[in-house]
Each structure stands twice: as structure tokens, then as C-alpha cells.
């Protein structure tokens, strides 16, 4: 099972992880997409885009039209949202369809008092 973590972390935290992996020659084995603020995470993962992630989670590669049919949305608007997810690196696109290559998604962030 492939799991991806979507989290909110500072640039410094991400850089520390990268440098640690570089020095040891091994990564943690956890795939992450980090955002610098909760606002950026929610701007990227709108409610409609989250529906796409949920529909594609564990589903493998599928044609855009099939995804639109499953979501009961028009192809043009699904295409626009998929393009945003491709641009963010969360979804891949090929001539054979689109793919979200994960079976599980975790979203992590901490809210602290100011």
C-alpha cells in the first residue's frame, strides 16, 4: 500500500529532511507533499479537487472522461481541476489517462495558539 502525506511544514523543515537524506544516502521512505501554510494547502486542495483525490485513491490510471462520469461533473471543469493537481505534482497525466498513484492519503498540520 502506498501512502502519501500532505502536510504543512516550513521550508527549513523540508530542507532539513532533504539534507539528512542526502548525507545518509537514504530517504525516510515516506512520500510527502509539503505546503508552507494551511491556506496554501486548502487553496491547492479545494473541495472539488479533494473529490478527485478521493475518487482516484487506489483506483489506478483512468481516462479523464471516466473520472468526470464518476464525479458526475462536466469534463471541462474536471480537466481544469486535474490540471491544477498535475501542476502541484499530486496527479500524473499520460496519453493513457490520469493517475493518483497512492492508496492512502494523510493530511497533517498543527494549529497552535498565537
C-alpha atoms as a PDB file:
ATOM      1  CA  UNK A   1       0.000   0.000   0.000  1.00  0.00           C
ATOM      2  CA  UNK A   2       1.372   3.387  -0.989  1.00  0.00           C
ATOM      3  CA  UNK A   3       0.677   6.251   1.372  1.00  0.00           C
ATOM      4  CA  UNK A   4       1.251   9.936   0.784  1.00  0.00           C
ATOM      5  CA  UNK A   5       1.333  12.586   3.479  1.00  0.00           C
ATOM      6  CA  UNK A   6       0.106  16.068   2.685  1.00  0.00           C
ATOM      7  CA  UNK A   7       1.438  18.334   5.380  1.00  0.00           C
ATOM      8  CA  UNK A   8       2.153  21.888   6.403  1.00  0.00           C
ATOM      9  CA  UNK A   9       5.816  22.474   7.192  1.00  0.00           C
ATOM     10  CA  UNK A  10       8.267  25.304   6.934  1.00  0.00           C
ATOM     11  CA  UNK A  11      10.804  25.472   4.147  1.00  0.00           C
ATOM     12  CA  UNK A  12      13.530  24.968   6.765  1.00  0.00           C
ATOM     13  CA  UNK A  13      11.948  21.679   7.940  1.00  0.00           C
ATOM     14  CA  UNK A  14      11.726  20.388   4.365  1.00  0.00           C
ATOM     15  CA  UNK A  15      15.330  21.443   3.709  1.00  0.00           C
ATOM     16  CA  UNK A  16      16.493  19.642   6.890  1.00  0.00           C
ATOM     17  CA  UNK A  17      14.836  16.406   5.720  1.00  0.00           C
ATOM     18  CA  UNK A  18      16.458  16.757   2.307  1.00  0.00           C
ATOM     19  CA  UNK A  19      19.909  17.379   3.772  1.00  0.00           C
ATOM     20  CA  UNK A  20      19.516  14.450   6.168  1.00  0.00           C
ATOM     21  CA  UNK A  21      18.605  12.119   3.314  1.00  0.00           C
ATOM     22  CA  UNK A  22      21.481  13.478   1.225  1.00  0.00           C
ATOM     23  CA  UNK A  23      24.042  12.882   3.990  1.00  0.00           C
ATOM     24  CA  UNK A  24      22.860   9.379   4.883  1.00  0.00           C
ATOM     25  CA  UNK A  25      22.094   8.360   1.319  1.00  0.00           C
ATOM     26  CA  UNK A  26      18.636   7.144   2.250  1.00  0.00           C
ATOM     27  CA  UNK A  27      15.227   8.713   2.381  1.00  0.00           C
ATOM     28  CA  UNK A  28      12.621   8.052   5.059  1.00  0.00           C
ATOM     29  CA  UNK A  29      10.505   6.019   2.648  1.00  0.00           C
ATOM     30  CA  UNK A  30       7.543   8.308   3.240  1.00  0.00           C
ATOM     31  CA  UNK A  31       6.243  10.252   0.291  1.00  0.00           C
ATOM     32  CA  UNK A  32       5.263  13.807   1.189  1.00  0.00           C
ATOM     33  CA  UNK A  33       3.878  16.903  -0.387  1.00  0.00           C
ATOM     34  CA  UNK A  34       4.546  19.830   1.918  1.00  0.00           C
ATOM     35  CA  UNK A  35       2.854  23.204   1.887  1.00  0.00           C
ATOM     36  CA  UNK A  36       4.165  26.273   3.715  1.00  0.00           C
ATOM     37  CA  UNK A  37       0.764  27.211   5.162  1.00  0.00           C
ATOM     38  CA  UNK A  38      -2.670  25.674   5.724  1.00  0.00           C
ATOM     39  CA  UNK A  39      -4.065  28.357   3.436  1.00  0.00           C
ATOM     40  CA  UNK A  40      -1.878  27.196   0.554  1.00  0.00           C
ATOM     41  CA  UNK A  41      -2.835  23.579   1.187  1.00  0.00           C
ATOM     42  CA  UNK A  42      -6.567  24.429   1.062  1.00  0.00           C
ATOM     43  CA  UNK A  43      -6.077  26.703  -1.961  1.00  0.00           C
ATOM     44  CA  UNK A  44      -4.492  23.781  -3.813  1.00  0.00           C
ATOM     45  CA  UNK A  45      -6.889  21.131  -2.472  1.00  0.00           C
ATOM     46  CA  UNK A  46     -10.257  22.776  -2.990  1.00  0.00           C
ATOM     47  CA  UNK A  47     -13.387  20.762  -2.204  1.00  0.00           C
ATOM     48  CA  UNK A  48     -13.770  19.721  -5.864  1.00  0.00           C
ATOM     49  CA  UNK A  49     -10.112  18.697  -6.139  1.00  0.00           C
ATOM     50  CA  UNK A  50     -10.395  16.720  -2.908  1.00  0.00           C
ATOM     51  CA  UNK A  51     -13.296  14.826  -4.539  1.00  0.00           C
ATOM     52  CA  UNK A  52     -10.954  13.971  -7.415  1.00  0.00           C
ATOM     53  CA  UNK A  53      -8.300  12.682  -4.994  1.00  0.00           C
ATOM     54  CA  UNK A  54     -10.911  10.580  -3.172  1.00  0.00           C
ATOM     55  CA  UNK A  55     -12.261   9.129  -6.440  1.00  0.00           C
ATOM     56  CA  UNK A  56      -8.772   8.282  -7.711  1.00  0.00           C
ATOM     57  CA  UNK A  57      -7.284   6.961  -4.462  1.00  0.00           C
ATOM     58  CA  UNK A  58      -6.346   3.338  -5.161  1.00  0.00           C
ATOM     59  CA  UNK A  59      -8.214   3.348  -8.490  1.00  0.00           C
ATOM     60  CA  UNK A  60      -5.182   3.279 -10.776  1.00  0.00           C
ATOM     61  CA  UNK A  61      -4.962   5.063 -14.113  1.00  0.00           C
ATOM     62  CA  UNK A  62      -8.226   6.201 -15.687  1.00  0.00           C
ATOM     63  CA  UNK A  63      -9.389   8.347 -18.577  1.00  0.00           C
ATOM     64  CA  UNK A  64     -10.493  11.882 -17.764  1.00  0.00           C
ATOM     65  CA  UNK A  65     -13.999  11.194 -19.076  1.00  0.00           C
ATOM     66  CA  UNK A  66     -14.368   8.233 -16.721  1.00  0.00           C
ATOM     67  CA  UNK A  67     -13.328  10.386 -13.783  1.00  0.00           C
ATOM     68  CA  UNK A  68     -15.833  13.072 -14.770  1.00  0.00           C
ATOM     69  CA  UNK A  69     -18.556  10.406 -15.047  1.00  0.00           C
ATOM     70  CA  UNK A  70     -17.749   9.034 -11.578  1.00  0.00           C
ATOM     71  CA  UNK A  71     -17.866  12.513 -10.094  1.00  0.00           C
ATOM     72  CA  UNK A  72     -21.000  13.472 -12.068  1.00  0.00           C
ATOM     73  CA  UNK A  73     -19.263  16.651 -13.255  1.00  0.00           C
ATOM     74  CA  UNK A  74     -18.618  18.054 -16.710  1.00  0.00           C
ATOM     75  CA  UNK A  75     -15.342  17.094 -18.385  1.00  0.00           C
ATOM     76  CA  UNK A  76     -14.154  20.682 -18.828  1.00  0.00           C
ATOM     77  CA  UNK A  77     -14.291  21.561 -15.116  1.00  0.00           C
ATOM     78  CA  UNK A  78     -12.728  18.221 -14.098  1.00  0.00           C
ATOM     79  CA  UNK A  79      -9.961  18.860 -16.650  1.00  0.00           C
ATOM     80  CA  UNK A  80      -9.252  22.267 -15.075  1.00  0.00           C
ATOM     81  CA  UNK A  81      -9.043  20.765 -11.583  1.00  0.00           C
ATOM     82  CA  UNK A  82      -6.903  17.836 -12.752  1.00  0.00           C
ATOM     83  CA  UNK A  83      -4.530  20.289 -14.434  1.00  0.00           C
ATOM     84  CA  UNK A  84      -4.130  22.130 -11.113  1.00  0.00           C
ATOM     85  CA  UNK A  85      -3.388  18.827  -9.360  1.00  0.00           C
ATOM     86  CA  UNK A  86      -0.881  17.881 -12.084  1.00  0.00           C
ATOM     87  CA  UNK A  87       0.792  21.289 -11.696  1.00  0.00           C
ATOM     88  CA  UNK A  88       1.024  20.671  -7.930  1.00  0.00           C
ATOM     89  CA  UNK A  89       2.615  17.263  -8.605  1.00  0.00           C
ATOM     90  CA  UNK A  90      -0.126  15.223  -6.929  1.00  0.00           C
ATOM     91  CA  UNK A  91      -1.522  13.631 -10.104  1.00  0.00           C
ATOM     92  CA  UNK A  92       0.284  12.416 -13.222  1.00  0.00           C
ATOM     93  CA  UNK A  93      -1.036  12.562 -16.755  1.00  0.00           C
ATOM     94  CA  UNK A  94      -0.116  10.343 -19.682  1.00  0.00           C
ATOM     95  CA  UNK A  95      -1.666   9.535 -23.073  1.00  0.00           C
ATOM     96  CA  UNK A  96      -3.389   6.560 -21.377  1.00  0.00           C
ATOM     97  CA  UNK A  97      -5.072   8.647 -18.665  1.00  0.00           C
ATOM     98  CA  UNK A  98      -4.518  10.279 -15.323  1.00  0.00           C
ATOM     99  CA  UNK A  99      -3.278   8.644 -12.155  1.00  0.00           C
ATOM    100  CA  UNK A 100      -3.071   9.313  -8.447  1.00  0.00           C
ATOM    101  CA  UNK A 101      -0.583   6.568  -7.518  1.00  0.00           C
ATOM    102  CA  UNK A 102      -1.499   6.250  -3.844  1.00  0.00           C
ATOM    103  CA  UNK A 103      -3.858   4.006  -1.890  1.00  0.00           C
ATOM    104  CA  UNK A 104      -3.987   6.181   1.212  1.00  0.00           C
ATOM    105  CA  UNK A 105      -3.721   9.891   1.977  1.00  0.00           C
ATOM    106  CA  UNK A 106      -2.880  11.503   5.306  1.00  0.00           C
ATOM    107  CA  UNK A 107      -3.228  15.232   5.875  1.00  0.00           C
ATOM    108  CA  UNK A 108      -1.192  16.601   8.775  1.00  0.00           C
ATOM    109  CA  UNK A 109      -0.818  20.024  10.281  1.00  0.00           C
ATOM    110  CA  UNK A 110      -0.774  21.562  13.725  1.00  0.00           C
ATOM    111  CA  UNK A 111      -2.662  24.659  14.817  1.00  0.00           C
ATOM    112  CA  UNK A 112      -1.171  26.440  17.806  1.00  0.00           C
ATOM    113  CA  UNK A 113      -2.299  29.442  19.796  1.00  0.00           C
ATOM    114  CA  UNK A 114      -0.761  32.675  18.547  1.00  0.00           C
END
